[in-house]
Structures are given as C-alpha cells and as structure tokens.
Amino acid sequence: MLLCRLPATRIGGLFTVWGGEKVKALVLIDGASYRAEVLPTISKAFDAAWAEIAWIFGKDELAIETAREQLMRAMLSIVGEERWSVESLKRAALTRMASDYRRMALH
C-alpha cells in the first residue's frame, strides 16, 4: 500500500493546504499518512464543505482560520481507512463539525 503525506508548506506561521488557502494545520496534517488515492477525495471534500459554510464566517480572518482548522480536524478524524465519496466525506465532516460546535456551546 502506498502512503503519502498530505502536502503542507510553511508560509508565515500558517500552512498552505490545497489551492493556496491558509490553514493552521501543522498539528493536524504534518506527518499524517494516507493512501495516495485518498488525497484527492480529502481535498475535494474539504473544498466542497468549505464552499457550503464559508459565508457563515464572513470576512473575519480569525473566524475563517479557526473554522477551516475545525473543518480539517473533523474531516481527518473520520477519513480513516474507509473508502469515501467526496459527497459522503463532505457531509460526514460537516455533521461532525456541527456536532462539535453544539458540544462546545453546551459547555
């Protein structure tokens, strides 16, 4: 089985992930390994999920950065070794992120 590291390049303390979008992702993806065929699915699902919810966070850079990191964390927490379609991974990550937000709001 071929394993690949997710691409991350350091730019000013932030990490560029897929398409130049900035995400603090060192802890989340640096050194993480996934099968090569999973990477395009993760990338497309992340972009699709973010496209659905980006409007919620307006133009507040801190809110955007935090939300993108939480979305990445949700996505990587569920991707595992299962086979996912882009749509199913997107939905699962958004569901996990919403659940995490609700849990935080209760505490």
C-alpha atoms as a PDB file:
ATOM      1  CA  MET A   1       0.000   0.000   0.000  1.00  0.00           C
ATOM      2  CA  LEU A   2       1.412   3.401  -0.999  1.00  0.00           C
ATOM      3  CA  LEU A   3       1.164   6.026   1.732  1.00  0.00           C
ATOM      4  CA  CYS A   4       1.541   9.748   1.069  1.00  0.00           C
ATOM      5  CA  ARG A   5       1.914  12.708   3.359  1.00  0.00           C
ATOM      6  CA  LEU A   6      -0.562  15.493   2.897  1.00  0.00           C
ATOM      7  CA  PRO A   7       1.071  18.492   1.237  1.00  0.00           C
ATOM      8  CA  ALA A   8       1.816  21.422   3.540  1.00  0.00           C
ATOM      9  CA  THR A   9       4.187  24.313   3.030  1.00  0.00           C
ATOM     10  CA  ARG A  10       5.032  26.877   5.657  1.00  0.00           C
ATOM     11  CA  ILE A  11       4.183  30.500   4.937  1.00  0.00           C
ATOM     12  CA  GLY A  12       4.458  32.984   7.790  1.00  0.00           C
ATOM     13  CA  GLY A  13       3.425  30.601  10.550  1.00  0.00           C
ATOM     14  CA  LEU A  14       0.461  29.327   8.561  1.00  0.00           C
ATOM     15  CA  PHE A  15       0.338  26.286   6.362  1.00  0.00           C
ATOM     16  CA  THR A  16      -0.941  26.355   2.825  1.00  0.00           C
ATOM     17  CA  VAL A  17      -3.207  23.444   2.076  1.00  0.00           C
ATOM     18  CA  TRP A  18      -4.789  22.782  -1.323  1.00  0.00           C
ATOM     19  CA  GLY A  19      -5.173  25.713  -3.629  1.00  0.00           C
ATOM     20  CA  GLY A  20      -3.347  28.295  -1.539  1.00  0.00           C
ATOM     21  CA  GLU A  21      -5.932  28.544   1.249  1.00  0.00           C
ATOM     22  CA  LYS A  22      -4.271  29.216   4.593  1.00  0.00           C
ATOM     23  CA  VAL A  23      -4.956  26.841   7.477  1.00  0.00           C
ATOM     24  CA  LYS A  24      -3.075  26.281  10.720  1.00  0.00           C
ATOM     25  CA  ALA A  25      -2.669  22.605  10.073  1.00  0.00           C
ATOM     26  CA  LEU A  26       0.774  21.564  11.296  1.00  0.00           C
ATOM     27  CA  VAL A  27      -0.614  19.549  14.183  1.00  0.00           C
ATOM     28  CA  LEU A  28      -3.351  18.100  12.012  1.00  0.00           C
ATOM     29  CA  ILE A  29      -1.532  17.074   8.876  1.00  0.00           C
ATOM     30  CA  ASP A  30       2.214  17.362   9.237  1.00  0.00           C
ATOM     31  CA  GLY A  31       3.413  13.792   9.268  1.00  0.00           C
ATOM     32  CA  ALA A  32      -0.036  12.286   8.748  1.00  0.00           C
ATOM     33  CA  SER A  33      -0.104   9.495   6.199  1.00  0.00           C
ATOM     34  CA  TYR A  34      -2.940   8.477   3.937  1.00  0.00           C
ATOM     35  CA  ARG A  35      -3.197   6.201   0.924  1.00  0.00           C
ATOM     36  CA  ALA A  36      -2.347   8.119  -2.246  1.00  0.00           C
ATOM     37  CA  GLU A  37      -5.793   7.529  -3.730  1.00  0.00           C
ATOM     38  CA  VAL A  38      -7.479   9.138  -0.686  1.00  0.00           C
ATOM     39  CA  LEU A  39      -5.765  12.529  -1.042  1.00  0.00           C
ATOM     40  CA  PRO A  40      -7.857  13.840  -3.961  1.00  0.00           C
ATOM     41  CA  THR A  41     -11.046  12.838  -2.133  1.00  0.00           C
ATOM     42  CA  ILE A  42      -9.957  14.654   1.050  1.00  0.00           C
ATOM     43  CA  SER A  43      -9.001  17.742  -0.951  1.00  0.00           C
ATOM     44  CA  LYS A  44     -12.238  17.874  -2.962  1.00  0.00           C
ATOM     45  CA  ALA A  45     -14.429  17.115   0.051  1.00  0.00           C
ATOM     46  CA  PHE A  46     -12.714  19.824   2.110  1.00  0.00           C
ATOM     47  CA  ASP A  47     -13.132  22.401  -0.667  1.00  0.00           C
ATOM     48  CA  ALA A  48     -16.790  21.423  -1.213  1.00  0.00           C
ATOM     49  CA  ALA A  49     -17.583  21.528   2.507  1.00  0.00           C
ATOM     50  CA  TRP A  50     -15.884  24.902   2.919  1.00  0.00           C
ATOM     51  CA  ALA A  51     -17.784  26.301  -0.079  1.00  0.00           C
ATOM     52  CA  GLU A  52     -21.048  25.432   1.695  1.00  0.00           C
ATOM     53  CA  ILE A  53     -20.224  27.104   5.004  1.00  0.00           C
ATOM     54  CA  ALA A  54     -17.741  29.901   4.207  1.00  0.00           C
ATOM     55  CA  TRP A  55     -20.466  32.562   4.137  1.00  0.00           C
ATOM     56  CA  ILE A  56     -21.226  31.911   7.821  1.00  0.00           C
ATOM     57  CA  PHE A  57     -17.834  33.264   8.894  1.00  0.00           C
ATOM     58  CA  GLY A  58     -17.961  36.467   6.872  1.00  0.00           C
ATOM     59  CA  LYS A  59     -14.688  38.311   6.384  1.00  0.00           C
ATOM     60  CA  ASP A  60     -13.311  37.810   9.908  1.00  0.00           C
ATOM     61  CA  GLU A  61      -9.893  36.251   9.223  1.00  0.00           C
ATOM     62  CA  LEU A  62      -9.584  34.705  12.702  1.00  0.00           C
ATOM     63  CA  ALA A  63     -13.059  33.161  12.482  1.00  0.00           C
ATOM     64  CA  ILE A  64     -12.280  31.837   8.992  1.00  0.00           C
ATOM     65  CA  GLU A  65      -8.937  30.370  10.039  1.00  0.00           C
ATOM     66  CA  THR A  66     -10.476  28.760  13.129  1.00  0.00           C
ATOM     67  CA  ALA A  67     -13.410  27.332  11.183  1.00  0.00           C
ATOM     68  CA  ARG A  68     -11.191  25.919   8.436  1.00  0.00           C
ATOM     69  CA  GLU A  69      -8.980  24.299  11.055  1.00  0.00           C
ATOM     70  CA  GLN A  70     -12.034  22.804  12.767  1.00  0.00           C
ATOM     71  CA  LEU A  71     -13.323  21.531   9.439  1.00  0.00           C
ATOM     72  CA  MET A  72      -9.948  19.969   8.661  1.00  0.00           C
ATOM     73  CA  ARG A  73      -9.848  18.399  12.123  1.00  0.00           C
ATOM     74  CA  ALA A  74     -13.358  16.978  11.649  1.00  0.00           C
ATOM     75  CA  MET A  75     -12.512  15.616   8.216  1.00  0.00           C
ATOM     76  CA  LEU A  76      -9.250  13.978   9.247  1.00  0.00           C
ATOM     77  CA  SER A  77     -10.869  12.482  12.342  1.00  0.00           C
ATOM     78  CA  ILE A  78     -13.279  10.466  10.220  1.00  0.00           C
ATOM     79  CA  VAL A  79     -11.404   9.712   6.995  1.00  0.00           C
ATOM     80  CA  GLY A  80      -9.517   6.685   8.360  1.00  0.00           C
ATOM     81  CA  GLU A  81      -9.121   3.668   6.133  1.00  0.00           C
ATOM     82  CA  GLU A  82     -12.689   3.598   4.802  1.00  0.00           C
ATOM     83  CA  ARG A  83     -13.487   4.371   1.196  1.00  0.00           C
ATOM     84  CA  TRP A  84     -15.358   7.652   0.919  1.00  0.00           C
ATOM     85  CA  SER A  85     -17.002   9.502  -1.928  1.00  0.00           C
ATOM     86  CA  VAL A  86     -16.412  13.244  -1.988  1.00  0.00           C
ATOM     87  CA  GLU A  87     -20.061  13.914  -1.117  1.00  0.00           C
ATOM     88  CA  SER A  88     -20.233  11.425   1.763  1.00  0.00           C
ATOM     89  CA  LEU A  89     -16.966  12.663   3.291  1.00  0.00           C
ATOM     90  CA  LYS A  90     -18.118  16.283   2.929  1.00  0.00           C
ATOM     91  CA  ARG A  91     -21.453  15.510   4.648  1.00  0.00           C
ATOM     92  CA  ALA A  92     -19.799  13.496   7.431  1.00  0.00           C
ATOM     93  CA  ALA A  93     -17.234  16.241   8.104  1.00  0.00           C
ATOM     94  CA  LEU A  94     -19.906  18.960   8.212  1.00  0.00           C
ATOM     95  CA  THR A  95     -22.013  16.818  10.539  1.00  0.00           C
ATOM     96  CA  ARG A  96     -19.021  16.235  12.825  1.00  0.00           C
ATOM     97  CA  MET A  97     -18.138  19.939  12.800  1.00  0.00           C
ATOM     98  CA  ALA A  98     -21.732  20.919  13.672  1.00  0.00           C
ATOM     99  CA  SER A  99     -21.779  18.353  16.461  1.00  0.00           C
ATOM    100  CA  ASP A 100     -18.501  19.726  17.823  1.00  0.00           C
ATOM    101  CA  TYR A 101     -19.923  23.284  17.761  1.00  0.00           C
ATOM    102  CA  ARG A 102     -23.055  22.179  19.630  1.00  0.00           C
ATOM    103  CA  ARG A 103     -20.972  20.374  22.220  1.00  0.00           C
ATOM    104  CA  MET A 104     -18.803  23.490  22.727  1.00  0.00           C
ATOM    105  CA  ALA A 105     -21.896  25.672  23.096  1.00  0.00           C
ATOM    106  CA  LEU A 106     -23.225  23.482  25.908  1.00  0.00           C
ATOM    107  CA  HIS A 107     -20.054  23.861  27.968  1.00  0.00           C
END
